[in-house]
Amino acid sequence: MALTPAEIVWYIPAYDSGTIIDSCGEFNNVPLIGVHGGINYNPILARRQFKYPVEGKPRDIVLERVFYHNHADNQGMRQRFAKAWKTIHKKDSN
């Protein structure tokens, strides 16, 4: 028996703290570090997925993509990602 989208709870409003991480350090988006590498996500698009209002379309610079693989990290992205998490920029949900 397969699950339907209506049976999956993607977002629980009770867990909403009212603030989201908008960016970290030198990056316009939020960098995420994984086991095999890193990638970033765009908080403006995430706000839309969580049903917060979004005014206008995101600027192109905000839609930049950053990713790396641990075995081919010749630009020191892992260290830059880790350093960026020391400076978190939060934004109120309103």
PDB file of N, CA and C in Angstrom:
ATOM      1  N   MET A   1       0.840  -1.171   0.000  1.00  0.00           N
ATOM      2  CA  MET A   1       0.000   0.000   0.000  1.00  0.00           C
ATOM      3  C   MET A   1       0.895   1.248   0.000  1.00  0.00           C
ATOM      4  N   ALA A   2       0.781   2.070  -0.998  1.00  0.00           N
ATOM      5  CA  ALA A   2       1.618   3.263  -1.142  1.00  0.00           C
ATOM      6  C   ALA A   2       1.016   4.438  -0.381  1.00  0.00           C
ATOM      7  N   LEU A   3       1.884   5.314   0.077  1.00  0.00           N
ATOM      8  CA  LEU A   3       1.440   6.538   0.736  1.00  0.00           C
ATOM      9  C   LEU A   3       1.027   7.567  -0.303  1.00  0.00           C
ATOM     10  N   THR A   4       0.070   8.376   0.055  1.00  0.00           N
ATOM     11  CA  THR A   4      -0.335   9.476  -0.807  1.00  0.00           C
ATOM     12  C   THR A   4       0.187  10.777  -0.195  1.00  0.00           C
ATOM     13  N   PRO A   5       0.325  11.835  -0.987  1.00  0.00           N
ATOM     14  CA  PRO A   5       0.811  13.107  -0.431  1.00  0.00           C
ATOM     15  C   PRO A   5      -0.051  13.634   0.715  1.00  0.00           C
ATOM     16  N   ALA A   6      -1.330  13.333   0.710  1.00  0.00           N
ATOM     17  CA  ALA A   6      -2.214  13.805   1.781  1.00  0.00           C
ATOM     18  C   ALA A   6      -1.908  13.126   3.115  1.00  0.00           C
ATOM     19  N   GLU A   7      -1.292  11.950   3.089  1.00  0.00           N
ATOM     20  CA  GLU A   7      -0.995  11.211   4.315  1.00  0.00           C
ATOM     21  C   GLU A   7       0.332  11.614   4.955  1.00  0.00           C
ATOM     22  N   ILE A   8       1.144  12.397   4.246  1.00  0.00           N
ATOM     23  CA  ILE A   8       2.452  12.793   4.749  1.00  0.00           C
ATOM     24  C   ILE A   8       2.376  14.222   5.280  1.00  0.00           C
ATOM     25  N   VAL A   9       2.816  14.417   6.512  1.00  0.00           N
ATOM     26  CA  VAL A   9       2.845  15.746   7.108  1.00  0.00           C
ATOM     27  C   VAL A   9       4.230  16.326   6.859  1.00  0.00           C
ATOM     28  N   TRP A  10       4.298  17.331   5.965  1.00  0.00           N
ATOM     29  CA  TRP A  10       5.585  17.919   5.604  1.00  0.00           C
ATOM     30  C   TRP A  10       5.988  19.038   6.541  1.00  0.00           C
ATOM     31  N   TYR A  11       5.031  19.653   7.166  1.00  0.00           N
ATOM     32  CA  TYR A  11       5.309  20.823   7.989  1.00  0.00           C
ATOM     33  C   TYR A  11       4.338  20.850   9.154  1.00  0.00           C
ATOM     34  N   ILE A  12       4.849  20.998  10.360  1.00  0.00           N
ATOM     35  CA  ILE A  12       4.007  21.063  11.551  1.00  0.00           C
ATOM     36  C   ILE A  12       4.103  22.488  12.098  1.00  0.00           C
ATOM     37  N   PRO A  13       3.045  23.277  11.985  1.00  0.00           N
ATOM     38  CA  PRO A  13       3.085  24.673  12.420  1.00  0.00           C
ATOM     39  C   PRO A  13       3.461  24.846  13.892  1.00  0.00           C
ATOM     40  N   ALA A  14       3.187  23.871  14.735  1.00  0.00           N
ATOM     41  CA  ALA A  14       3.516  23.984  16.157  1.00  0.00           C
ATOM     42  C   ALA A  14       5.020  24.090  16.384  1.00  0.00           C
ATOM     43  N   TYR A  15       5.827  23.570  15.462  1.00  0.00           N
ATOM     44  CA  TYR A  15       7.284  23.623  15.588  1.00  0.00           C
ATOM     45  C   TYR A  15       7.884  24.913  15.036  1.00  0.00           C
ATOM     46  N   ASP A  16       7.062  25.803  14.531  1.00  0.00           N
ATOM     47  CA  ASP A  16       7.541  27.041  13.928  1.00  0.00           C
ATOM     48  C   ASP A  16       8.021  27.990  15.015  1.00  0.00           C
ATOM     49  N   SER A  17       9.297  28.349  14.979  1.00  0.00           N
ATOM     50  CA  SER A  17       9.861  29.245  15.990  1.00  0.00           C
ATOM     51  C   SER A  17       9.669  30.714  15.622  1.00  0.00           C
ATOM     52  N   GLY A  18       9.265  30.991  14.401  1.00  0.00           N
ATOM     53  CA  GLY A  18       9.064  32.364  13.973  1.00  0.00           C
ATOM     54  C   GLY A  18      10.271  32.990  13.306  1.00  0.00           C
ATOM     55  N   THR A  19      11.437  32.329  13.361  1.00  0.00           N
ATOM     56  CA  THR A  19      12.624  32.834  12.680  1.00  0.00           C
ATOM     57  C   THR A  19      13.200  31.739  11.796  1.00  0.00           C
ATOM     58  N   ILE A  20      13.813  32.158  10.698  1.00  0.00           N
ATOM     59  CA  ILE A  20      14.480  31.210   9.813  1.00  0.00           C
ATOM     60  C   ILE A  20      15.898  31.700   9.559  1.00  0.00           C
ATOM     61  N   ILE A  21      16.771  30.790   9.182  1.00  0.00           N
ATOM     62  CA  ILE A  21      18.136  31.154   8.821  1.00  0.00           C
ATOM     63  C   ILE A  21      18.091  31.687   7.394  1.00  0.00           C
ATOM     64  N   ASP A  22      18.474  32.935   7.221  1.00  0.00           N
ATOM     65  CA  ASP A  22      18.397  33.592   5.918  1.00  0.00           C
ATOM     66  C   ASP A  22      19.673  33.409   5.102  1.00  0.00           C
ATOM     67  N   SER A  23      20.821  33.483   5.770  1.00  0.00           N
ATOM     68  CA  SER A  23      22.098  33.285   5.094  1.00  0.00           C
ATOM     69  C   SER A  23      23.157  33.030   6.153  1.00  0.00           C
ATOM     70  N   CYS A  24      24.323  32.618   5.691  1.00  0.00           N
ATOM     71  CA  CYS A  24      25.436  32.347   6.599  1.00  0.00           C
ATOM     72  C   CYS A  24      26.711  32.950   6.028  1.00  0.00           C
ATOM     73  N   GLY A  25      27.383  33.748   6.852  1.00  0.00           N
ATOM     74  CA  GLY A  25      28.682  34.288   6.473  1.00  0.00           C
ATOM     75  C   GLY A  25      28.690  34.988   5.134  1.00  0.00           C
ATOM     76  N   GLU A  26      29.632  34.593   4.285  1.00  0.00           N
ATOM     77  CA  GLU A  26      29.823  35.235   2.986  1.00  0.00           C
ATOM     78  C   GLU A  26      28.848  34.759   1.920  1.00  0.00           C
ATOM     79  N   PHE A  27      28.048  33.748   2.217  1.00  0.00           N
ATOM     80  CA  PHE A  27      27.147  33.169   1.224  1.00  0.00           C
ATOM     81  C   PHE A  27      25.780  33.843   1.270  1.00  0.00           C
ATOM     82  N   ASN A  28      25.160  34.052   0.114  1.00  0.00           N
ATOM     83  CA  ASN A  28      23.816  34.621   0.046  1.00  0.00           C
ATOM     84  C   ASN A  28      22.758  33.610   0.447  1.00  0.00           C
ATOM     85  N   ASN A  29      23.088  32.339   0.348  1.00  0.00           N
ATOM     86  CA  ASN A  29      22.173  31.268   0.717  1.00  0.00           C
ATOM     87  C   ASN A  29      22.721  30.545   1.942  1.00  0.00           C
ATOM     88  N   VAL A  30      22.114  29.446   2.318  1.00  0.00           N
ATOM     89  CA  VAL A  30      22.535  28.696   3.500  1.00  0.00           C
ATOM     90  C   VAL A  30      23.333  27.467   3.055  1.00  0.00           C
ATOM     91  N   PRO A  31      24.622  27.404   3.409  1.00  0.00           N
ATOM     92  CA  PRO A  31      25.439  26.248   3.020  1.00  0.00           C
ATOM     93  C   PRO A  31      25.182  25.060   3.949  1.00  0.00           C
ATOM     94  N   LEU A  32      25.106  23.880   3.368  1.00  0.00           N
ATOM     95  CA  LEU A  32      24.898  22.647   4.119  1.00  0.00           C
ATOM     96  C   LEU A  32      26.056  21.699   3.842  1.00  0.00           C
ATOM     97  N   ILE A  33      26.610  21.121   4.890  1.00  0.00           N
ATOM     98  CA  ILE A  33      27.728  20.189   4.748  1.00  0.00           C
ATOM     99  C   ILE A  33      27.212  18.780   4.941  1.00  0.00           C
ATOM    100  N   GLY A  34      27.567  17.893   4.014  1.00  0.00           N
ATOM    101  CA  GLY A  34      27.166  16.499   4.089  1.00  0.00           C
ATOM    102  C   GLY A  34      28.360  15.576   4.158  1.00  0.00           C
ATOM    103  N   VAL A  35      28.107  14.289   4.118  1.00  0.00           N
ATOM    104  CA  VAL A  35      29.155  13.284   4.207  1.00  0.00           C
ATOM    105  C   VAL A  35      30.043  13.293   2.967  1.00  0.00           C
ATOM    106  N   HIS A  36      29.449  13.470   1.807  1.00  0.00           N
ATOM    107  CA  HIS A  36      30.195  13.399   0.551  1.00  0.00           C
ATOM    108  C   HIS A  36      30.546  14.760  -0.029  1.00  0.00           C
ATOM    109  N   GLY A  37      30.028  15.827   0.559  1.00  0.00           N
ATOM    110  CA  GLY A  37      30.296  17.156   0.039  1.00  0.00           C
ATOM    111  C   GLY A  37      29.343  18.163   0.622  1.00  0.00           C
ATOM    112  N   GLY A  38      29.134  19.241  -0.089  1.00  0.00           N
ATOM    113  CA  GLY A  38      28.245  20.274   0.403  1.00  0.00           C
ATOM    114  C   GLY A  38      27.432  20.899  -0.708  1.00  0.00           C
ATOM    115  N   ILE A  39      26.351  21.538  -0.316  1.00  0.00           N
ATOM    116  CA  ILE A  39      25.442  22.203  -1.246  1.00  0.00           C
ATOM    117  C   ILE A  39      24.788  23.338  -0.482  1.00  0.00           C
ATOM    118  N   ASN A  40      24.154  24.246  -1.174  1.00  0.00           N
ATOM    119  CA  ASN A  40      23.436  25.307  -0.478  1.00  0.00           C
ATOM    120  C   ASN A  40      21.957  25.230  -0.809  1.00  0.00           C
ATOM    121  N   TYR A  41      21.158  25.866   0.038  1.00  0.00           N
ATOM    122  CA  TYR A  41      19.734  25.973  -0.279  1.00  0.00           C
ATOM    123  C   TYR A  41      19.312  27.426  -0.165  1.00  0.00           C
ATOM    124  N   ASN A  42      18.273  27.755  -0.882  1.00  0.00           N
ATOM    125  CA  ASN A  42      17.786  29.116  -0.945  1.00  0.00           C
ATOM    126  C   ASN A  42      16.642  29.288   0.044  1.00  0.00           C
ATOM    127  N   PRO A  43      16.811  30.106   1.088  1.00  0.00           N
ATOM    128  CA  PRO A  43      15.758  30.267   2.082  1.00  0.00           C
ATOM    129  C   PRO A  43      14.503  30.953   1.546  1.00  0.00           C
ATOM    130  N   ILE A  44      14.649  31.767   0.493  1.00  0.00           N
ATOM    131  CA  ILE A  44      13.466  32.417  -0.081  1.00  0.00           C
ATOM    132  C   ILE A  44      12.540  31.366  -0.685  1.00  0.00           C
ATOM    133  N   LEU A  45      13.125  30.409  -1.398  1.00  0.00           N
ATOM    134  CA  LEU A  45      12.303  29.340  -1.963  1.00  0.00           C
ATOM    135  C   LEU A  45      11.762  28.433  -0.870  1.00  0.00           C
ATOM    136  N   ALA A  46      12.539  28.215   0.192  1.00  0.00           N
ATOM    137  CA  ALA A  46      12.066  27.400   1.311  1.00  0.00           C
ATOM    138  C   ALA A  46      10.893  28.083   2.013  1.00  0.00           C
ATOM    139  N   ARG A  47      10.951  29.411   2.140  1.00  0.00           N
ATOM    140  CA  ARG A  47       9.827  30.141   2.745  1.00  0.00           C
ATOM    141  C   ARG A  47       8.547  29.893   1.958  1.00  0.00           C
ATOM    142  N   ARG A  48       8.650  29.869   0.657  1.00  0.00           N
ATOM    143  CA  ARG A  48       7.474  29.618  -0.193  1.00  0.00           C
ATOM    144  C   ARG A  48       6.929  28.217   0.047  1.00  0.00           C
ATOM    145  N   GLN A  49       7.819  27.235   0.215  1.00  0.00           N
ATOM    146  CA  GLN A  49       7.385  25.870   0.453  1.00  0.00           C
ATOM    147  C   GLN A  49       6.672  25.728   1.797  1.00  0.00           C
ATOM    148  N   PHE A  50       7.052  26.567   2.783  1.00  0.00           N
ATOM    149  CA  PHE A  50       6.415  26.517   4.096  1.00  0.00           C
ATOM    150  C   PHE A  50       5.238  27.478   4.211  1.00  0.00           C
ATOM    151  N   LYS A  51       4.771  27.960   3.060  1.00  0.00           N
ATOM    152  CA  LYS A  51       3.580  28.792   2.950  1.00  0.00           C
ATOM    153  C   LYS A  51       3.713  30.176   3.582  1.00  0.00           C
ATOM    154  N   TYR A  52       4.932  30.718   3.636  1.00  0.00           N
ATOM    155  CA  TYR A  52       5.114  32.108   4.022  1.00  0.00           C
ATOM    156  C   TYR A  52       4.937  32.955   2.773  1.00  0.00           C
ATOM    157  N   PRO A  53       4.485  34.182   2.912  1.00  0.00           N
ATOM    158  CA  PRO A  53       4.322  35.030   1.722  1.00  0.00           C
ATOM    159  C   PRO A  53       5.676  35.427   1.137  1.00  0.00           C
ATOM    160  N   VAL A  54       5.728  35.476  -0.178  1.00  0.00           N
ATOM    161  CA  VAL A  54       6.932  35.903  -0.887  1.00  0.00           C
ATOM    162  C   VAL A  54       6.528  37.029  -1.821  1.00  0.00           C
ATOM    163  N   GLU A  55       7.160  38.179  -1.638  1.00  0.00           N
ATOM    164  CA  GLU A  55       6.839  39.322  -2.484  1.00  0.00           C
ATOM    165  C   GLU A  55       7.794  39.370  -3.664  1.00  0.00           C
ATOM    166  N   GLY A  56       7.268  39.282  -4.849  1.00  0.00           N
ATOM    167  CA  GLY A  56       8.096  39.360  -6.046  1.00  0.00           C
ATOM    168  C   GLY A  56       8.938  38.118  -6.260  1.00  0.00           C
ATOM    169  N   LYS A  57       9.710  38.120  -7.325  1.00  0.00           N
ATOM    170  CA  LYS A  57      10.574  36.978  -7.597  1.00  0.00           C
ATOM    171  C   LYS A  57      11.946  37.214  -6.976  1.00  0.00           C
ATOM    172  N   PRO A  58      12.658  36.133  -6.612  1.00  0.00           N
ATOM    173  CA  PRO A  58      13.987  36.307  -6.013  1.00  0.00           C
ATOM    174  C   PRO A  58      14.977  36.916  -7.003  1.00  0.00           C
ATOM    175  N   ARG A  59      15.914  37.713  -6.484  1.00  0.00           N
ATOM    176  CA  ARG A  59      16.967  38.268  -7.339  1.00  0.00           C
ATOM    177  C   ARG A  59      17.854  37.130  -7.843  1.00  0.00           C
ATOM    178  N   ASP A  60      18.437  37.312  -9.002  1.00  0.00           N
ATOM    179  CA  ASP A  60      19.274  36.270  -9.602  1.00  0.00           C
ATOM    180  C   ASP A  60      20.480  35.931  -8.740  1.00  0.00           C
ATOM    181  N   ILE A  61      21.038  36.917  -8.047  1.00  0.00           N
ATOM    182  CA  ILE A  61      22.220  36.649  -7.229  1.00  0.00           C
ATOM    183  C   ILE A  61      21.876  35.721  -6.056  1.00  0.00           C
ATOM    184  N   VAL A  62      20.652  35.782  -5.596  1.00  0.00           N
ATOM    185  CA  VAL A  62      20.226  34.930  -4.495  1.00  0.00           C
ATOM    186  C   VAL A  62      20.057  33.487  -4.962  1.00  0.00           C
ATOM    187  N   LEU A  63      19.830  33.293  -6.244  1.00  0.00           N
ATOM    188  CA  LEU A  63      19.610  31.953  -6.774  1.00  0.00           C
ATOM    189  C   LEU A  63      20.908  31.251  -7.180  1.00  0.00           C
ATOM    190  N   GLU A  64      22.052  31.778  -6.728  1.00  0.00           N
ATOM    191  CA  GLU A  64      23.316  31.131  -7.075  1.00  0.00           C
ATOM    192  C   GLU A  64      23.381  29.734  -6.454  1.00  0.00           C
ATOM    193  N   ARG A  65      24.066  28.837  -7.130  1.00  0.00           N
ATOM    194  CA  ARG A  65      24.213  27.483  -6.589  1.00  0.00           C
ATOM    195  C   ARG A  65      25.677  27.254  -6.236  1.00  0.00           C
ATOM    196  N   VAL A  66      25.885  26.606  -5.125  1.00  0.00           N
ATOM    197  CA  VAL A  66      27.228  26.283  -4.665  1.00  0.00           C
ATOM    198  C   VAL A  66      27.210  24.829  -4.231  1.00  0.00           C
ATOM    199  N   PHE A  67      28.136  24.047  -4.752  1.00  0.00           N
ATOM    200  CA  PHE A  67      28.265  22.665  -4.295  1.00  0.00           C
ATOM    201  C   PHE A  67      29.698  22.215  -4.493  1.00  0.00           C
ATOM    202  N   TYR A  68      30.065  21.182  -3.776  1.00  0.00           N
ATOM    203  CA  TYR A  68      31.403  20.615  -3.915  1.00  0.00           C
ATOM    204  C   TYR A  68      31.371  19.157  -3.491  1.00  0.00           C
ATOM    205  N   HIS A  69      32.343  18.400  -3.949  1.00  0.00           N
ATOM    206  CA  HIS A  69      32.547  17.015  -3.531  1.00  0.00           C
ATOM    207  C   HIS A  69      33.801  16.974  -2.670  1.00  0.00           C
ATOM    208  N   ASN A  70      33.764  16.211  -1.590  1.00  0.00           N
ATOM    209  CA  ASN A  70      34.916  16.155  -0.681  1.00  0.00           C
ATOM    210  C   ASN A  70      36.191  15.705  -1.377  1.00  0.00           C
ATOM    211  N   HIS A  71      36.096  14.750  -2.300  1.00  0.00           N
ATOM    212  CA  HIS A  71      37.303  14.236  -2.947  1.00  0.00           C
ATOM    213  C   HIS A  71      37.890  15.214  -3.969  1.00  0.00           C
ATOM    214  N   ALA A  72      37.140  16.220  -4.386  1.00  0.00           N
ATOM    215  CA  ALA A  72      37.642  17.177  -5.383  1.00  0.00           C
ATOM    216  C   ALA A  72      37.475  18.616  -4.901  1.00  0.00           C
ATOM    217  N   ASP A  73      37.684  18.842  -3.608  1.00  0.00           N
ATOM    218  CA  ASP A  73      37.499  20.176  -3.030  1.00  0.00           C
ATOM    219  C   ASP A  73      38.794  20.972  -3.142  1.00  0.00           C
ATOM    220  N   ASN A  74      39.061  21.502  -4.330  1.00  0.00           N
ATOM    221  CA  ASN A  74      40.303  22.234  -4.548  1.00  0.00           C
ATOM    222  C   ASN A  74      40.194  23.714  -4.196  1.00  0.00           C
ATOM    223  N   GLN A  75      39.015  24.210  -3.860  1.00  0.00           N
ATOM    224  CA  GLN A  75      38.846  25.620  -3.510  1.00  0.00           C
ATOM    225  C   GLN A  75      38.645  25.824  -2.011  1.00  0.00           C
ATOM    226  N   GLY A  76      38.757  24.778  -1.219  1.00  0.00           N
ATOM    227  CA  GLY A  76      38.572  24.901   0.227  1.00  0.00           C
ATOM    228  C   GLY A  76      37.145  25.233   0.628  1.00  0.00           C
ATOM    229  N   MET A  77      36.174  24.740  -0.149  1.00  0.00           N
ATOM    230  CA  MET A  77      34.773  25.058   0.119  1.00  0.00           C
ATOM    231  C   MET A  77      34.304  24.506   1.466  1.00  0.00           C
ATOM    232  N   ARG A  78      34.785  23.341   1.859  1.00  0.00           N
ATOM    233  CA  ARG A  78      34.355  22.762   3.140  1.00  0.00           C
ATOM    234  C   ARG A  78      34.728  23.701   4.293  1.00  0.00           C
ATOM    235  N   GLN A  79      35.928  24.247   4.262  1.00  0.00           N
ATOM    236  CA  GLN A  79      36.352  25.174   5.306  1.00  0.00           C
ATOM    237  C   GLN A  79      35.540  26.478   5.240  1.00  0.00           C
ATOM    238  N   ARG A  80      35.258  26.940   4.041  1.00  0.00           N
ATOM    239  CA  ARG A  80      34.449  28.155   3.888  1.00  0.00           C
ATOM    240  C   ARG A  80      33.032  27.937   4.400  1.00  0.00           C
ATOM    241  N   PHE A  81      32.456  26.739   4.124  1.00  0.00           N
ATOM    242  CA  PHE A  81      31.121  26.414   4.631  1.00  0.00           C
ATOM    243  C   PHE A  81      31.126  26.394   6.149  1.00  0.00           C
ATOM    244  N   ALA A  82      32.119  25.741   6.752  1.00  0.00           N
ATOM    245  CA  ALA A  82      32.197  25.638   8.212  1.00  0.00           C
ATOM    246  C   ALA A  82      32.369  27.022   8.838  1.00  0.00           C
ATOM    247  N   LYS A  83      33.198  27.862   8.229  1.00  0.00           N
ATOM    248  CA  LYS A  83      33.421  29.215   8.745  1.00  0.00           C
ATOM    249  C   LYS A  83      32.145  30.052   8.640  1.00  0.00           C
ATOM    250  N   ALA A  84      31.376  29.855   7.580  1.00  0.00           N
ATOM    251  CA  ALA A  84      30.152  30.625   7.374  1.00  0.00           C
ATOM    252  C   ALA A  84      29.125  30.353   8.469  1.00  0.00           C
ATOM    253  N   TRP A  85      29.112  29.144   9.032  1.00  0.00           N
ATOM    254  CA  TRP A  85      28.146  28.812  10.078  1.00  0.00           C
ATOM    255  C   TRP A  85      28.450  29.511  11.392  1.00  0.00           C
ATOM    256  N   LYS A  86      29.583  30.177  11.498  1.00  0.00           N
ATOM    257  CA  LYS A  86      29.883  30.952  12.705  1.00  0.00           C
ATOM    258  C   LYS A  86      29.182  32.310  12.668  1.00  0.00           C
ATOM    259  N   THR A  87      28.695  32.716  11.495  1.00  0.00           N
ATOM    260  CA  THR A  87      27.978  33.978  11.325  1.00  0.00           C
ATOM    261  C   THR A  87      26.637  33.690  10.659  1.00  0.00           C
ATOM    262  N   ILE A  88      25.633  33.430  11.456  1.00  0.00           N
ATOM    263  CA  ILE A  88      24.304  33.096  10.948  1.00  0.00           C
ATOM    264  C   ILE A  88      23.451  34.355  10.934  1.00  0.00           C
ATOM    265  N   HIS A  89      22.786  34.602   9.797  1.00  0.00           N
ATOM    266  CA  HIS A  89      21.867  35.731   9.657  1.00  0.00           C
ATOM    267  C   HIS A  89      20.446  35.176   9.675  1.00  0.00           C
ATOM    268  N   LYS A  90      19.695  35.548  10.703  1.00  0.00           N
ATOM    269  CA  LYS A  90      18.317  35.064  10.828  1.00  0.00           C
ATOM    270  C   LYS A  90      17.329  36.137  10.395  1.00  0.00           C
ATOM    271  N   LYS A  91      16.146  35.690  10.024  1.00  0.00           N
ATOM    272  CA  LYS A  91      15.095  36.617   9.593  1.00  0.00           C
ATOM    273  C   LYS A  91      13.793  36.179  10.237  1.00  0.00           C
ATOM    274  N   ASP A  92      13.016  37.134  10.648  1.00  0.00           N
ATOM    275  CA  ASP A  92      11.709  36.863  11.231  1.00  0.00           C
ATOM    276  C   ASP A  92      10.766  36.368  10.140  1.00  0.00           C
ATOM    277  N   SER A  93       9.842  35.502  10.491  1.00  0.00           N
ATOM    278  CA  SER A  93       8.935  34.935   9.488  1.00  0.00           C
ATOM    279  C   SER A  93       7.980  35.979   8.917  1.00  0.00           C
ATOM    280  N   ASN A  94       7.817  37.109   9.604  1.00  0.00           N
ATOM    281  CA  ASN A  94       6.945  38.153   9.078  1.00  0.00           C
ATOM    282  C   ASN A  94       7.698  39.035   8.121  1.00  0.00           C
TER     283      ASN A  94
END
